[in-house]
Amino acid sequence: MLPLSLRAEVDVDWGGYLEIMRPISGLIIAINGAPIVLRTSMQTLVATSSGESEYIALFDWVKHVSWMRKFYWEMAKEGLWPTKSIVFEATTVGIDSSAAQALSTN
């Protein structure tokens, strides 16, 4: 059984929206190197710094990955996956903000 590898890249761009303090978040999630989720959206929360906005984007990424892991597990459980069980490797994220990394580390 081949373990599934989830990898994500998260980035935030203020894109000229400094007046309203709502940056644009970008998210890419790949399984075994193949991108399956590409998403951009304006953040719904007000951020006062770029580190905070990157942290908000990171939280959004965690929600997506948690849902995807559960979705694939349910598919295997119901027999809709080629194997009866799924093994995930540790999920990794790429984020370019040291402030967001510091906020997310225990």
Protein backbone atom coordinates (compact mmCIF):
# COMPACT_ATOMS: atom_id res chain seq x y z
CA MET A 1 0.00 0.00 0.00
CA LEU A 2 1.47 3.32 -1.11
CA PRO A 3 1.10 6.09 1.50
CA LEU A 4 -0.44 9.34 0.31
CA SER A 5 1.69 12.44 0.67
CA LEU A 6 -0.13 15.75 1.18
CA ARG A 7 1.81 18.96 0.55
CA ALA A 8 0.47 22.50 0.62
CA GLU A 9 1.74 25.93 -0.27
CA VAL A 10 0.13 28.97 1.32
CA ASP A 11 0.75 32.59 0.45
CA VAL A 12 -0.90 35.95 1.03
CA ASP A 13 -0.84 39.08 -1.10
CA TRP A 14 -2.18 42.45 -0.05
CA GLY A 15 -2.73 43.25 -3.75
CA GLY A 16 -3.66 46.89 -3.32
CA TYR A 17 -6.26 46.27 -0.60
CA LEU A 18 -4.37 47.99 2.23
CA GLU A 19 -7.26 50.39 2.87
CA ILE A 20 -9.66 47.64 3.92
CA MET A 21 -6.96 45.42 5.50
CA ARG A 22 -8.20 42.28 3.74
CA PRO A 23 -5.50 40.46 1.78
CA ILE A 24 -5.90 37.74 -0.85
CA SER A 25 -4.99 34.19 0.29
CA GLY A 26 -3.65 31.58 -2.11
CA LEU A 27 -3.65 27.86 -1.41
CA ILE A 28 -2.35 24.86 -3.36
CA ILE A 29 -2.74 21.31 -2.04
CA ALA A 30 -1.05 18.40 -3.80
CA ILE A 31 -1.36 14.66 -3.30
CA ASN A 32 1.79 12.76 -4.25
CA GLY A 33 2.95 15.83 -6.20
CA ALA A 34 -0.25 16.33 -8.25
CA PRO A 35 -2.11 19.54 -7.42
CA ILE A 36 -5.76 18.88 -6.60
CA VAL A 37 -6.84 22.09 -4.84
CA LEU A 38 -6.06 25.57 -6.16
CA ARG A 39 -7.84 28.33 -4.31
CA THR A 40 -7.64 32.08 -3.95
CA SER A 41 -9.98 34.20 -1.88
CA MET A 42 -10.17 37.48 -0.04
CA GLN A 43 -9.80 36.87 3.67
CA THR A 44 -12.94 37.49 5.70
CA LEU A 45 -11.06 38.53 8.84
CA VAL A 46 -9.31 41.85 9.32
CA ALA A 47 -5.55 41.43 9.71
CA THR A 48 -3.33 44.12 11.21
CA SER A 49 -0.05 42.69 9.92
CA SER A 50 1.25 40.47 7.15
CA GLY A 51 2.28 37.82 9.68
CA GLU A 52 -1.25 37.72 11.07
CA SER A 53 -2.75 37.40 7.59
CA GLU A 54 -0.35 34.53 6.79
CA TYR A 55 -1.41 32.85 10.04
CA ILE A 56 -5.08 33.20 9.02
CA ALA A 57 -4.26 31.59 5.67
CA LEU A 58 -2.43 28.78 7.48
CA PHE A 59 -5.51 28.12 9.63
CA ASP A 60 -7.64 27.93 6.47
CA TRP A 61 -5.17 25.40 5.06
CA VAL A 62 -5.47 23.22 8.18
CA LYS A 63 -9.27 23.13 7.75
CA HIS A 64 -8.94 22.01 4.11
CA VAL A 65 -6.38 19.29 4.82
CA SER A 66 -8.40 17.94 7.76
CA TRP A 67 -11.46 17.69 5.54
CA MET A 68 -9.48 16.01 2.74
CA ARG A 69 -7.99 13.40 5.06
CA LYS A 70 -11.45 12.54 6.37
CA PHE A 71 -12.89 12.46 2.83
CA TYR A 72 -10.30 9.98 1.53
CA TRP A 73 -10.60 7.86 4.67
CA GLU A 74 -14.40 7.69 4.18
CA MET A 75 -13.93 6.73 0.52
CA ALA A 76 -11.71 3.81 1.52
CA LYS A 77 -14.10 2.78 4.28
CA GLU A 78 -17.04 2.68 1.84
CA GLY A 79 -15.07 0.73 -0.78
CA LEU A 80 -14.78 3.66 -3.21
CA TRP A 81 -10.97 3.59 -3.10
CA PRO A 82 -8.76 0.91 -4.71
CA THR A 83 -7.60 -0.30 -1.28
CA LYS A 84 -9.53 -0.84 1.94
CA SER A 85 -7.32 1.47 3.97
CA ILE A 86 -5.38 4.66 3.40
CA VAL A 87 -2.09 5.65 5.01
CA PHE A 88 -1.07 9.31 5.01
CA GLU A 89 2.47 10.50 5.47
CA ALA A 90 2.97 13.56 7.63
CA THR A 91 1.46 16.57 5.89
CA THR A 92 3.85 19.41 5.14
CA VAL A 93 3.17 23.05 4.43
CA GLY A 94 5.21 25.71 2.70
CA ILE A 95 4.78 29.19 4.11
CA ASP A 96 7.13 32.12 3.59
CA SER A 97 6.37 34.08 6.75
CA SER A 98 8.57 33.54 9.78
CA ALA A 99 5.98 35.38 11.92
CA ALA A 100 3.24 32.90 10.93
CA GLN A 101 5.64 30.00 11.55
CA ALA A 102 6.40 31.35 15.03
CA LEU A 103 2.69 31.82 15.83
CA SER A 104 1.84 28.28 14.73
CA THR A 105 4.64 26.55 16.65
CA ASN A 106 3.90 25.34 20.17
